[in-house]
Amino acid sequence: MTSGHTDAAHRCDNHAVHSVAPRFTRPGRLTLIALIFLAVAWAAAGGFVLLGRATSAAAQRVRDAPECAPDETFTATPCQATLSGTVISLTHDEVDVDVDGRRITMPIQIVGQVSGAAGTRADVTMYRGKPIHVEGTGEKVDARDSPVQDSFDYFNVAFAIVWISTVLIGANVVGMWIVVRSRRKASP
């Protein structure tokens, strides 16, 4: 025989008391997993928003930069200058512009048709001695590492992640809920 104290600790009204942690049902587990995926997706989107804010600040520094003195244009001084030139060539990967006898090459990324730009007049925006924007007749391109281009891309990625993850994961959670509800109503 066991003592009454031990027996009372394990029995209540002649029924065994189990101290087992609650278990999630299959739909509950799937919902929890879906919510974890949603949280991870939103955290990733938050990271892209932070990257976008950082590059937006860099773009603002470019816009607020003072005009370069003539001897600062091609140096790393934090200033900007807009120079007139002539497009030598334009490809999907770079644009070459002649500015007062100096060949300036800017890495770019263009998808689609590129032709007919050679020989046209263009304005080149320089920042810290590097070209960041070329604009002329029929073309307007930012450098591949331009802060203006990067911030736009990061914000668009964040927007897409939030909306796509919310719609897809939300639709799955609602679908699971509908299936579980219909099964519970159908079962006696």
Protein backbone atom coordinates (compact mmCIF):
# COMPACT_ATOMS: atom_id res chain seq x y z
CA MET A 1 0.00 0.00 0.00
CA THR A 2 1.12 3.50 -0.68
CA SER A 3 0.60 6.43 1.57
CA GLY A 4 -2.50 8.55 1.16
CA HIS A 5 -0.41 11.61 0.41
CA THR A 6 1.21 10.08 -2.67
CA ASP A 7 -2.05 8.58 -3.77
CA ALA A 8 -3.84 11.93 -3.46
CA ALA A 9 -1.17 13.71 -5.47
CA HIS A 10 -1.73 11.44 -8.45
CA ARG A 11 -5.49 10.93 -8.24
CA CYS A 12 -8.38 13.30 -8.08
CA ASP A 13 -11.94 11.97 -7.84
CA ASN A 14 -10.76 8.47 -8.76
CA HIS A 15 -9.32 9.67 -12.09
CA ALA A 16 -5.67 9.76 -12.97
CA VAL A 17 -4.24 13.26 -13.37
CA HIS A 18 -1.67 13.59 -16.11
CA SER A 19 0.77 16.46 -16.22
CA VAL A 20 1.53 16.29 -19.93
CA ALA A 21 2.17 19.46 -21.89
CA PRO A 22 -0.66 20.26 -24.32
CA ARG A 23 -0.09 18.85 -27.77
CA PHE A 24 -0.98 20.72 -30.89
CA THR A 25 -3.34 19.03 -33.27
CA ARG A 26 -2.21 18.72 -36.87
CA PRO A 27 -4.12 21.83 -38.04
CA GLY A 28 -2.87 23.75 -35.01
CA ARG A 29 0.70 22.74 -35.76
CA LEU A 30 0.35 23.76 -39.41
CA THR A 31 -1.07 27.12 -38.37
CA LEU A 32 1.84 27.64 -35.99
CA ILE A 33 4.32 26.75 -38.74
CA ALA A 34 2.57 29.12 -41.16
CA LEU A 35 2.73 31.94 -38.62
CA ILE A 36 6.44 31.25 -38.04
CA PHE A 37 7.05 31.46 -41.80
CA LEU A 38 5.08 34.70 -41.90
CA ALA A 39 7.16 36.16 -39.06
CA VAL A 40 10.39 35.16 -40.82
CA ALA A 41 9.19 36.68 -44.10
CA TRP A 42 8.22 39.93 -42.37
CA ALA A 43 11.58 40.03 -40.58
CA ALA A 44 13.32 39.67 -43.96
CA ALA A 45 11.15 42.48 -45.33
CA GLY A 46 12.15 44.59 -42.34
CA GLY A 47 15.79 43.98 -43.22
CA PHE A 48 15.17 45.19 -46.76
CA VAL A 49 13.39 48.29 -45.41
CA LEU A 50 16.44 49.05 -43.26
CA LEU A 51 18.71 48.62 -46.31
CA GLY A 52 16.39 50.90 -48.27
CA ARG A 53 16.51 53.54 -45.54
CA ALA A 54 20.31 53.40 -45.48
CA THR A 55 20.55 53.83 -49.23
CA SER A 56 17.88 56.54 -49.12
CA ALA A 57 20.09 58.40 -46.70
CA ALA A 58 23.00 57.96 -49.13
CA ALA A 59 20.82 59.24 -51.97
CA GLN A 60 19.88 62.25 -49.84
CA ARG A 61 23.58 62.95 -49.21
CA VAL A 62 24.10 62.96 -52.99
CA ARG A 63 21.19 65.38 -53.51
CA ASP A 64 22.43 67.64 -50.69
CA ALA A 65 26.09 67.56 -51.73
CA PRO A 66 27.58 70.94 -52.61
CA GLU A 67 28.66 71.75 -56.15
CA CYS A 68 32.24 70.67 -56.89
CA ALA A 69 34.95 73.22 -57.52
CA PRO A 70 36.60 72.60 -60.93
CA ASP A 71 39.62 70.91 -59.34
CA GLU A 72 37.38 68.62 -57.16
CA THR A 73 35.19 67.07 -59.89
CA PHE A 74 37.32 63.96 -60.41
CA THR A 75 38.42 63.51 -56.79
CA ALA A 76 36.81 61.67 -53.85
CA THR A 77 35.61 64.97 -52.37
CA PRO A 78 31.92 64.66 -51.28
CA CYS A 79 30.56 67.02 -53.90
CA GLN A 80 28.61 66.71 -57.12
CA ALA A 81 28.98 68.15 -60.59
CA THR A 82 26.97 67.86 -63.79
CA LEU A 83 29.14 67.82 -66.90
CA SER A 84 28.16 67.98 -70.55
CA GLY A 85 29.53 65.34 -72.86
CA THR A 86 28.92 63.08 -75.82
CA VAL A 87 27.93 59.42 -75.63
CA ILE A 88 30.63 57.24 -77.17
CA SER A 89 28.88 53.92 -76.65
CA LEU A 90 25.97 52.40 -74.77
CA THR A 91 25.69 48.68 -74.04
CA HIS A 92 23.67 46.61 -71.59
CA ASP A 93 26.58 46.75 -69.11
CA GLU A 94 28.08 50.23 -69.42
CA VAL A 95 27.89 53.66 -70.97
CA ASP A 96 30.96 55.55 -72.18
CA VAL A 97 30.82 59.34 -72.38
CA ASP A 98 33.43 61.79 -73.62
CA VAL A 99 33.61 64.83 -71.32
CA ASP A 100 36.09 67.43 -72.56
CA GLY A 101 38.42 64.78 -73.97
CA ARG A 102 38.16 62.54 -70.88
CA ARG A 103 36.49 59.14 -71.35
CA ILE A 104 34.13 58.36 -68.47
CA THR A 105 32.81 54.81 -68.16
CA MET A 106 29.84 54.05 -65.92
CA PRO A 107 28.68 50.49 -65.13
CA ILE A 108 24.94 50.10 -65.72
CA GLN A 109 22.37 47.39 -66.21
CA ILE A 110 19.86 47.75 -69.01
CA VAL A 111 17.40 45.11 -70.13
CA GLY A 112 15.98 45.49 -73.61
CA GLN A 113 16.93 47.40 -76.74
CA VAL A 114 20.01 49.63 -76.68
CA SER A 115 21.00 51.34 -79.91
CA GLY A 116 21.43 54.72 -81.51
CA ALA A 117 22.90 56.51 -78.50
CA ALA A 118 26.42 56.95 -79.85
CA GLY A 119 27.17 60.55 -80.76
CA THR A 120 24.28 62.06 -78.78
CA ARG A 121 24.74 64.79 -76.20
CA ALA A 122 24.46 63.73 -72.54
CA ASP A 123 24.79 65.22 -69.08
CA VAL A 124 26.89 63.21 -66.62
CA THR A 125 26.33 63.65 -62.89
CA MET A 126 29.50 63.02 -60.91
CA TYR A 127 29.64 62.37 -57.16
CA ARG A 128 32.89 61.78 -55.26
CA GLY A 129 34.71 61.61 -58.58
CA LYS A 130 32.53 58.84 -60.03
CA PRO A 131 29.70 59.02 -62.57
CA ILE A 132 26.36 58.14 -60.98
CA HIS A 133 23.85 59.29 -63.61
CA VAL A 134 23.83 59.89 -67.36
CA GLU A 135 20.94 61.62 -69.06
CA GLY A 136 20.63 62.54 -72.68
CA THR A 137 18.40 62.32 -75.72
CA GLY A 138 16.57 59.04 -75.38
CA GLU A 139 18.53 57.69 -72.41
CA LYS A 140 18.43 58.15 -68.68
CA VAL A 141 20.50 55.67 -66.70
CA ASP A 142 21.82 55.38 -63.17
CA ALA A 143 25.07 53.69 -62.28
CA ARG A 144 24.72 50.09 -61.15
CA ASP A 145 25.80 51.05 -57.61
CA SER A 146 23.86 54.33 -57.50
CA PRO A 147 22.20 54.96 -54.12
CA VAL A 148 19.04 56.17 -55.87
CA GLN A 149 18.67 52.90 -57.76
CA ASP A 150 19.48 50.70 -54.77
CA SER A 151 16.99 52.30 -52.38
CA PHE A 152 14.19 51.91 -54.91
CA ASP A 153 15.06 48.22 -55.38
CA TYR A 154 15.23 47.48 -51.63
CA PHE A 155 11.87 49.08 -50.91
CA ASN A 156 10.25 47.20 -53.79
CA VAL A 157 11.63 43.88 -52.56
CA ALA A 158 10.36 44.58 -49.03
CA PHE A 159 6.92 45.53 -50.37
CA ALA A 160 6.76 42.34 -52.47
CA ILE A 161 7.83 40.10 -49.57
CA VAL A 162 5.20 41.54 -47.22
CA TRP A 163 2.33 41.30 -49.67
CA ILE A 164 3.18 37.96 -51.24
CA SER A 165 3.91 36.25 -47.92
CA THR A 166 0.79 37.66 -46.29
CA VAL A 167 -1.48 36.64 -49.16
CA LEU A 168 0.01 33.17 -49.68
CA ILE A 169 0.44 32.22 -46.03
CA GLY A 170 -2.83 33.91 -45.02
CA ALA A 171 -4.71 32.03 -47.74
CA ASN A 172 -3.23 28.76 -46.52
CA VAL A 173 -4.18 29.45 -42.91
CA VAL A 174 -7.74 30.40 -43.89
CA GLY A 175 -7.94 27.31 -46.09
CA MET A 176 -6.78 25.07 -43.24
CA TRP A 177 -9.29 26.69 -40.91
CA ILE A 178 -12.15 26.07 -43.37
CA VAL A 179 -11.15 22.41 -43.83
CA VAL A 180 -10.89 21.82 -40.07
CA ARG A 181 -14.25 23.52 -39.43
CA SER A 182 -15.98 21.48 -42.13
CA ARG A 183 -14.49 18.22 -40.79
CA ARG A 184 -15.57 19.06 -37.23
CA LYS A 185 -19.14 19.80 -38.37
CA ALA A 186 -19.25 16.61 -40.46
CA SER A 187 -18.01 14.32 -37.66
CA PRO A 188 -20.63 13.13 -35.12
